[in-house]
Protein backbone atom coordinates (compact mmCIF):
# COMPACT_ATOMS: atom_id res chain seq x y z
CA MET A 1 18.29 76.34 92.23
CA ALA A 2 15.62 79.01 92.74
CA ASP A 3 16.31 82.52 91.48
CA ARG A 4 17.05 84.85 94.39
CA ILE A 5 15.10 88.10 94.54
CA LEU A 6 15.86 91.07 96.80
CA LEU A 7 12.66 93.01 97.55
CA ILE A 8 13.29 96.52 98.92
CA GLU A 9 9.85 97.56 100.19
CA ASP A 10 8.82 99.24 103.44
CA ASP A 11 5.12 98.30 103.37
CA PRO A 12 5.05 95.08 105.43
CA ARG A 13 1.71 93.84 104.07
CA LEU A 14 2.74 94.37 100.45
CA ALA A 15 6.17 92.86 101.11
CA GLU A 16 4.59 89.75 102.64
CA MET A 17 2.17 89.41 99.73
CA VAL A 18 4.95 89.72 97.14
CA LYS A 19 7.22 87.35 99.05
CA ASN A 20 4.51 84.69 99.29
CA TYR A 21 3.40 85.07 95.68
CA LEU A 22 6.93 84.89 94.27
CA GLY A 23 7.73 82.05 96.65
CA GLU A 24 4.83 80.04 95.25
CA ALA A 25 6.19 80.78 91.75
CA GLY A 26 9.53 79.22 92.69
CA PHE A 27 11.58 82.25 93.72
CA SER A 28 13.56 82.75 96.93
CA VAL A 29 12.78 86.24 98.27
CA THR A 30 14.73 88.33 100.79
CA VAL A 31 12.99 91.47 102.07
CA SER A 32 14.62 94.73 103.15
CA PRO A 33 12.32 97.51 104.41
CA LEU A 34 15.05 100.18 104.11
CA GLY A 35 17.04 101.38 101.13
CA ILE A 36 20.42 101.63 102.84
CA ALA A 37 20.09 98.12 104.27
CA GLY A 38 19.06 96.89 100.80
CA ILE A 39 22.18 98.42 99.24
CA SER A 40 24.34 96.64 101.83
CA LEU A 41 22.56 93.33 101.29
CA GLU A 42 23.01 93.55 97.52
CA ALA A 43 26.72 94.26 98.01
CA ARG A 44 27.22 91.24 100.32
CA GLU A 45 25.06 88.63 98.63
CA THR A 46 24.26 87.49 95.10
CA PHE A 47 20.75 88.12 93.80
CA ASP A 48 19.28 87.36 90.39
CA ALA A 49 17.01 90.42 90.41
CA LEU A 50 15.82 93.31 92.59
CA VAL A 51 12.26 94.56 93.09
CA LEU A 52 12.67 98.14 94.31
CA ASP A 53 10.04 100.53 95.70
CA LEU A 54 10.81 104.16 94.89
CA MET A 55 9.11 105.48 98.04
CA LEU A 56 11.29 104.44 100.98
CA PRO A 57 11.49 105.99 104.45
CA ASP A 58 15.26 106.45 104.67
CA ILE A 59 16.56 107.10 101.15
CA ASP A 60 14.99 107.79 97.79
CA GLY A 61 14.53 104.67 95.68
CA LEU A 62 16.13 106.41 92.70
CA GLU A 63 19.29 106.88 94.77
CA VAL A 64 19.18 103.20 95.74
CA CYS A 65 18.97 102.32 92.04
CA ARG A 66 21.83 104.69 91.20
CA GLN A 67 24.15 103.29 93.87
CA ILE A 68 23.45 99.65 93.03
CA ARG A 69 23.78 100.19 89.29
CA ALA A 70 27.14 101.92 89.79
CA ARG A 71 28.71 98.57 90.75
CA SER A 72 26.23 95.87 89.72
CA GLN A 73 24.25 94.80 86.67
CA THR A 74 21.61 92.92 88.67
CA PRO A 75 18.22 93.45 86.94
CA ILE A 76 15.98 95.98 88.71
CA LEU A 77 12.17 96.15 88.56
CA MET A 78 10.93 99.43 90.06
CA LEU A 79 7.64 99.74 91.93
CA THR A 80 6.22 103.25 92.01
CA ALA A 81 3.07 104.88 93.39
CA ARG A 82 4.18 108.28 92.13
CA GLY A 83 2.12 109.90 89.43
CA ASP A 84 5.03 111.79 87.89
CA ALA A 85 6.16 110.03 84.72
CA MET A 86 9.54 111.76 85.06
CA ASP A 87 10.40 109.52 88.02
CA ARG A 88 9.91 106.49 85.82
CA VAL A 89 11.96 108.05 83.02
CA VAL A 90 14.80 108.92 85.41
CA GLY A 91 14.68 105.43 86.92
CA LEU A 92 15.03 103.81 83.51
CA GLU A 93 17.79 106.23 82.51
CA ILE A 94 19.90 105.44 85.58
CA GLY A 95 19.67 101.72 84.99
CA ALA A 96 16.35 100.18 86.06
CA ASP A 97 15.22 97.48 83.65
CA ASP A 98 11.46 97.99 83.96
CA TYR A 99 8.86 99.64 86.18
CA LEU A 100 5.45 98.69 87.55
CA PRO A 101 2.97 101.30 88.88
CA LYS A 102 1.12 100.63 92.15
CA PRO A 103 -1.39 99.17 92.65
CA PHE A 104 -0.48 96.21 90.47
CA GLU A 105 -1.65 92.71 89.77
CA PRO A 106 0.78 90.11 91.17
CA ARG A 107 0.60 88.21 87.87
CA GLU A 108 1.84 91.26 85.97
CA MET A 109 4.71 91.70 88.43
CA LEU A 110 5.66 88.06 87.94
CA ALA A 111 5.49 88.37 84.14
CA ARG A 112 7.66 91.49 84.12
CA LEU A 113 10.17 89.94 86.51
CA ARG A 114 10.47 86.81 84.39
CA ALA A 115 10.87 88.95 81.27
CA ILE A 116 13.82 90.93 82.63
CA LEU A 117 15.42 87.72 83.89
CA ARG A 118 15.11 86.18 80.42
CA ARG A 119 16.61 89.28 78.80
CA ARG A 120 19.48 89.37 81.26
CA GLY A 121 20.10 85.66 80.76
CA ARG A 122 20.50 86.22 77.01
CA GLU A 123 22.82 89.18 77.61
CA GLN A 124 24.96 87.21 80.03
CA ARG A 125 25.37 84.35 77.55
CA ASN A 126 26.51 86.87 74.94
CA ASP A 127 28.85 88.52 77.45
CA LEU A 128 30.60 85.31 78.51
CA LEU A 129 33.89 84.19 76.96
CA SER A 130 35.01 80.69 77.93
CA PHE A 131 38.50 79.23 77.57
CA GLY A 132 38.52 75.91 79.37
CA HIS A 133 38.53 76.60 83.12
CA LEU A 134 38.78 80.36 82.50
CA GLU A 135 35.59 82.41 82.09
CA ILE A 136 35.62 86.11 81.27
CA ASP A 137 32.30 87.81 81.96
CA SER A 138 32.28 91.23 80.31
CA GLY A 139 28.82 92.09 81.68
CA ALA A 140 29.77 91.50 85.32
CA ARG A 141 33.39 92.55 84.62
CA LYS A 142 34.73 89.47 86.36
CA ALA A 143 37.12 86.68 85.42
CA ARG A 144 36.81 83.26 87.04
CA ILE A 145 38.95 80.13 87.20
CA ASN A 146 36.87 77.03 87.99
CA GLY A 147 34.15 79.38 89.25
CA ALA A 148 36.47 81.25 91.65
CA GLU A 149 36.78 84.96 90.98
CA CYS A 150 40.23 86.22 89.96
CA GLU A 151 41.64 89.24 91.76
CA LEU A 152 42.01 91.86 89.03
CA SER A 153 41.77 95.62 89.08
CA ASP A 154 39.25 97.23 86.74
CA TYR A 155 42.03 98.25 84.34
CA GLN A 156 43.56 94.77 84.40
CA PHE A 157 40.19 93.20 83.63
CA SER A 158 39.78 95.55 80.65
CA LEU A 159 43.25 94.60 79.42
CA LEU A 160 42.49 90.89 79.78
CA LEU A 161 39.18 91.35 77.94
CA VAL A 162 40.89 93.14 75.03
CA LEU A 163 43.41 90.30 74.68
CA ALA A 164 40.74 87.59 74.96
CA GLN A 165 38.49 89.28 72.40
CA HIS A 166 41.42 89.10 69.97
CA SER A 167 42.53 85.61 70.98
CA GLY A 168 44.94 83.95 68.56
CA ARG A 169 46.19 87.30 67.22
CA VAL A 170 49.55 88.82 68.14
CA MET A 171 48.85 92.24 69.66
CA SER A 172 51.57 94.88 69.74
CA ARG A 173 51.78 97.18 72.74
CA ASP A 174 50.73 100.09 70.53
CA ALA A 175 47.65 98.18 69.32
CA ILE A 176 46.72 97.30 72.89
CA MET A 177 47.15 100.90 74.02
CA GLU A 178 44.96 102.10 71.15
CA LEU A 179 42.18 99.71 72.20
CA MET A 180 42.62 100.74 75.84
CA LYS A 181 42.73 104.48 75.23
CA ASN A 182 39.26 105.10 76.67
CA GLU A 183 40.01 103.22 79.89
CA ARG A 184 40.95 105.12 83.03
CA LEU A 185 44.64 104.58 83.79
CA GLU A 186 45.32 103.64 87.40
CA SER A 187 48.80 105.11 87.36
CA PHE A 188 50.79 106.70 84.58
CA ASP A 189 54.06 105.03 85.59
CA ARG A 190 52.78 101.47 85.22
CA SER A 191 53.40 99.83 81.87
CA ILE A 192 51.27 97.24 80.13
CA ASP A 193 53.98 94.72 80.99
CA VAL A 194 53.42 95.23 84.72
CA HIS A 195 49.67 94.77 84.32
CA ILE A 196 50.22 91.67 82.18
CA SER A 197 52.39 90.13 84.90
CA ARG A 198 49.64 90.70 87.46
CA ILE A 199 46.99 89.25 85.18
CA ARG A 200 49.18 86.18 84.71
CA ALA A 201 49.51 85.82 88.46
CA ALA A 202 45.71 85.74 88.67
CA ILE A 203 44.85 83.42 85.76
CA GLU A 204 47.87 81.22 85.01
CA ASP A 205 48.70 77.95 86.78
CA ASP A 206 52.37 78.92 86.57
CA PRO A 207 52.83 82.65 85.83
CA LYS A 208 56.50 82.03 84.96
CA LYS A 209 55.41 79.58 82.24
CA PRO A 210 52.21 81.18 80.96
CA ARG A 211 49.85 79.26 78.70
CA ARG A 212 47.20 81.93 78.29
CA ILE A 213 48.99 85.23 77.69
CA ILE A 214 52.17 84.49 75.77
CA THR A 215 54.94 86.98 75.02
CA VAL A 216 55.94 87.15 71.37
CA ARG A 217 59.45 88.59 71.49
CA GLY A 218 59.74 91.83 69.57
CA SER A 219 56.03 91.84 68.68
CA GLY A 220 53.85 91.94 71.79
CA TYR A 221 51.42 89.46 73.30
CA VAL A 222 49.01 86.81 72.13
CA PHE A 223 46.10 85.36 74.08
CA ALA A 224 46.22 81.64 73.33
CA LYS A 225 43.06 79.58 72.90
CA ALA A 226 44.60 76.75 74.89
CA GLN A 227 42.10 74.53 76.66
CA ASP A 228 42.71 73.33 80.23
């Protein structure tokens, strides 16, 4: 399947050139001429990378980068005609993976795009924990059963990740809380036990007879390495 690229670029001639060139290289390209529309597209659909112009008519490209990076780790290649190096520095600091000054050679754009896709591919492999039908993707902060995303809050995902990273070890509640101390609590009156029950509802075939997260009476919990 071809990698999907979202190109956020308001210059129609440049957008057409990039779309055709990347298409010939085997990519599937969707074009958005506006930043706000591009943000909405990225939220609704799955893309393998973004090519983002910093000079857009409706919203600054840096703000587009900031909003997308706040909820997504999709690789971003910035295109900039600005002469100020600070824009490039800020773009990289807020999460862009690389930048390319205009005017540019299409071959260089293709090389840089392929490079960030290769880097992200390596990171994703390192970020992925697999336990039979259950996959835990720490980079995307998603858990999936047979490819279907599990419904977990951010805190519950962090709790599941902590348990999975220590699979096979009995974890006391105090040990779990120590590892979770930097996570934002959703509510102070919810215990780990409540979150565990909701995680089980999302990942276990039968939450009343869990095979993944097992209670060890008087000790805590253990994430079993059971295979489906």
